[in-house]
Amino acid sequence: MTIRARDRMTRQLIRKMRDEARLLRSRVPRTAGVAAQSVGALALGAVAIGALAIGALAIGKLAIGRARIRRLEIDELVVRQLHVTEELKVPPKPDLER
């Protein structure tokens, strides 16, 4: 049976249905097909978990960087607000030639 479709989505759907029909008619034991799909799903899950971990690390790094910048800004503000209350008297440097 030949089905002709003008729509791209319909063509893809027909192609997918053909592939599934071939899998059902194939001589490969069905358990092997299911096992292969299970392994593929596990691998995809592992990749997704790895991507989440990398994203979490990147967000953590950004948060630490921002905290450091804020701390520097606060330290700078504190230093600007400090006032000298009395004059500091420093003893003269000793002569090293004597």
Protein backbone atom coordinates (compact mmCIF):
# COMPACT_ATOMS: atom_id res chain seq x y z
CA MET A 1 0.00 0.00 0.00
CA THR A 2 1.45 3.34 -1.03
CA ILE A 3 0.38 6.53 0.64
CA ARG A 4 1.38 9.85 -0.83
CA ALA A 5 1.49 12.86 1.42
CA ARG A 6 2.20 16.45 0.55
CA ASP A 7 2.56 17.58 4.13
CA ARG A 8 6.03 17.13 5.67
CA MET A 9 4.61 16.16 9.07
CA THR A 10 2.41 13.48 7.50
CA ARG A 11 5.40 12.10 5.58
CA GLN A 12 7.41 11.85 8.78
CA LEU A 13 4.53 10.12 10.54
CA ILE A 14 4.17 7.62 7.70
CA ARG A 15 7.93 6.97 7.75
CA LYS A 16 7.83 6.36 11.51
CA MET A 17 4.90 3.97 11.13
CA ARG A 18 6.81 2.05 8.46
CA ASP A 19 9.83 1.74 10.73
CA GLU A 20 7.66 0.42 13.55
CA ALA A 21 6.01 -2.06 11.21
CA ARG A 22 9.45 -3.29 10.09
CA LEU A 23 10.47 -3.76 13.74
CA LEU A 24 7.34 -5.83 14.37
CA ARG A 25 7.97 -7.98 11.29
CA SER A 26 11.72 -8.31 11.83
CA ARG A 27 13.29 -11.54 12.93
CA VAL A 28 15.21 -9.88 15.73
CA PRO A 29 13.77 -11.05 19.03
CA ARG A 30 11.50 -8.38 20.41
CA THR A 31 13.22 -8.50 23.80
CA ALA A 32 16.47 -7.43 22.14
CA GLY A 33 14.70 -4.39 20.66
CA VAL A 34 13.21 -3.51 24.03
CA ALA A 35 16.58 -4.00 25.73
CA ALA A 36 18.25 -1.72 23.21
CA GLN A 37 15.60 0.93 23.79
CA SER A 38 16.05 0.59 27.56
CA VAL A 39 19.80 1.04 27.28
CA GLY A 40 19.26 4.05 25.03
CA ALA A 41 16.81 5.56 27.52
CA LEU A 42 19.29 5.03 30.37
CA ALA A 43 22.07 6.67 28.36
CA LEU A 44 19.82 9.62 27.55
CA GLY A 45 18.92 9.94 31.23
CA ALA A 46 22.60 9.92 32.19
CA VAL A 47 23.32 12.68 29.68
CA ALA A 48 20.43 14.74 31.07
CA ILE A 49 21.67 14.33 34.66
CA GLY A 50 25.18 15.34 33.57
CA ALA A 51 23.81 18.44 31.87
CA LEU A 52 21.90 19.38 35.04
CA ALA A 53 25.04 18.91 37.13
CA ILE A 54 27.10 21.12 34.82
CA GLY A 55 24.37 23.77 34.91
CA ALA A 56 24.28 23.67 38.71
CA LEU A 57 28.06 24.11 38.86
CA ALA A 58 27.92 27.08 36.50
CA ILE A 59 25.16 28.72 38.55
CA GLY A 60 27.13 28.12 41.75
CA LYS A 61 30.24 29.68 40.25
CA LEU A 62 28.28 32.76 39.19
CA ALA A 63 26.73 33.09 42.63
CA ILE A 64 30.14 32.89 44.33
CA GLY A 65 31.54 35.49 41.94
CA ARG A 66 28.67 37.86 42.67
CA ALA A 67 29.11 37.36 46.41
CA ARG A 68 32.79 38.28 46.13
CA ILE A 69 31.95 41.40 44.14
CA ARG A 70 29.35 42.43 46.74
CA ARG A 71 31.83 41.87 49.55
CA LEU A 72 34.41 44.05 47.79
CA GLU A 73 31.78 46.76 47.29
CA ILE A 74 30.82 46.63 50.97
CA ASP A 75 34.48 46.73 52.05
CA GLU A 76 35.06 49.73 49.77
CA LEU A 77 32.05 51.54 51.26
CA VAL A 78 33.26 50.87 54.80
CA VAL A 79 36.74 52.16 53.97
CA ARG A 80 35.26 55.33 52.47
CA GLN A 81 33.29 55.98 55.65
CA LEU A 82 36.25 55.65 58.00
CA HIS A 83 37.48 58.98 59.39
CA VAL A 84 40.83 59.84 60.90
CA THR A 85 40.27 60.98 64.48
CA GLU A 86 43.82 61.86 65.45
CA GLU A 87 47.06 62.47 63.67
CA LEU A 88 49.41 59.53 63.44
CA LYS A 89 52.98 60.26 64.56
CA VAL A 90 55.56 58.06 62.88
CA PRO A 91 59.12 57.96 64.23
CA PRO A 92 61.82 58.96 61.73
CA LYS A 93 63.66 56.22 59.87
CA PRO A 94 66.93 55.20 61.50
CA ASP A 95 70.10 55.98 59.56
CA LEU A 96 71.76 52.85 58.33
CA GLU A 97 75.13 54.58 57.67
CA ARG A 98 76.06 54.97 61.34
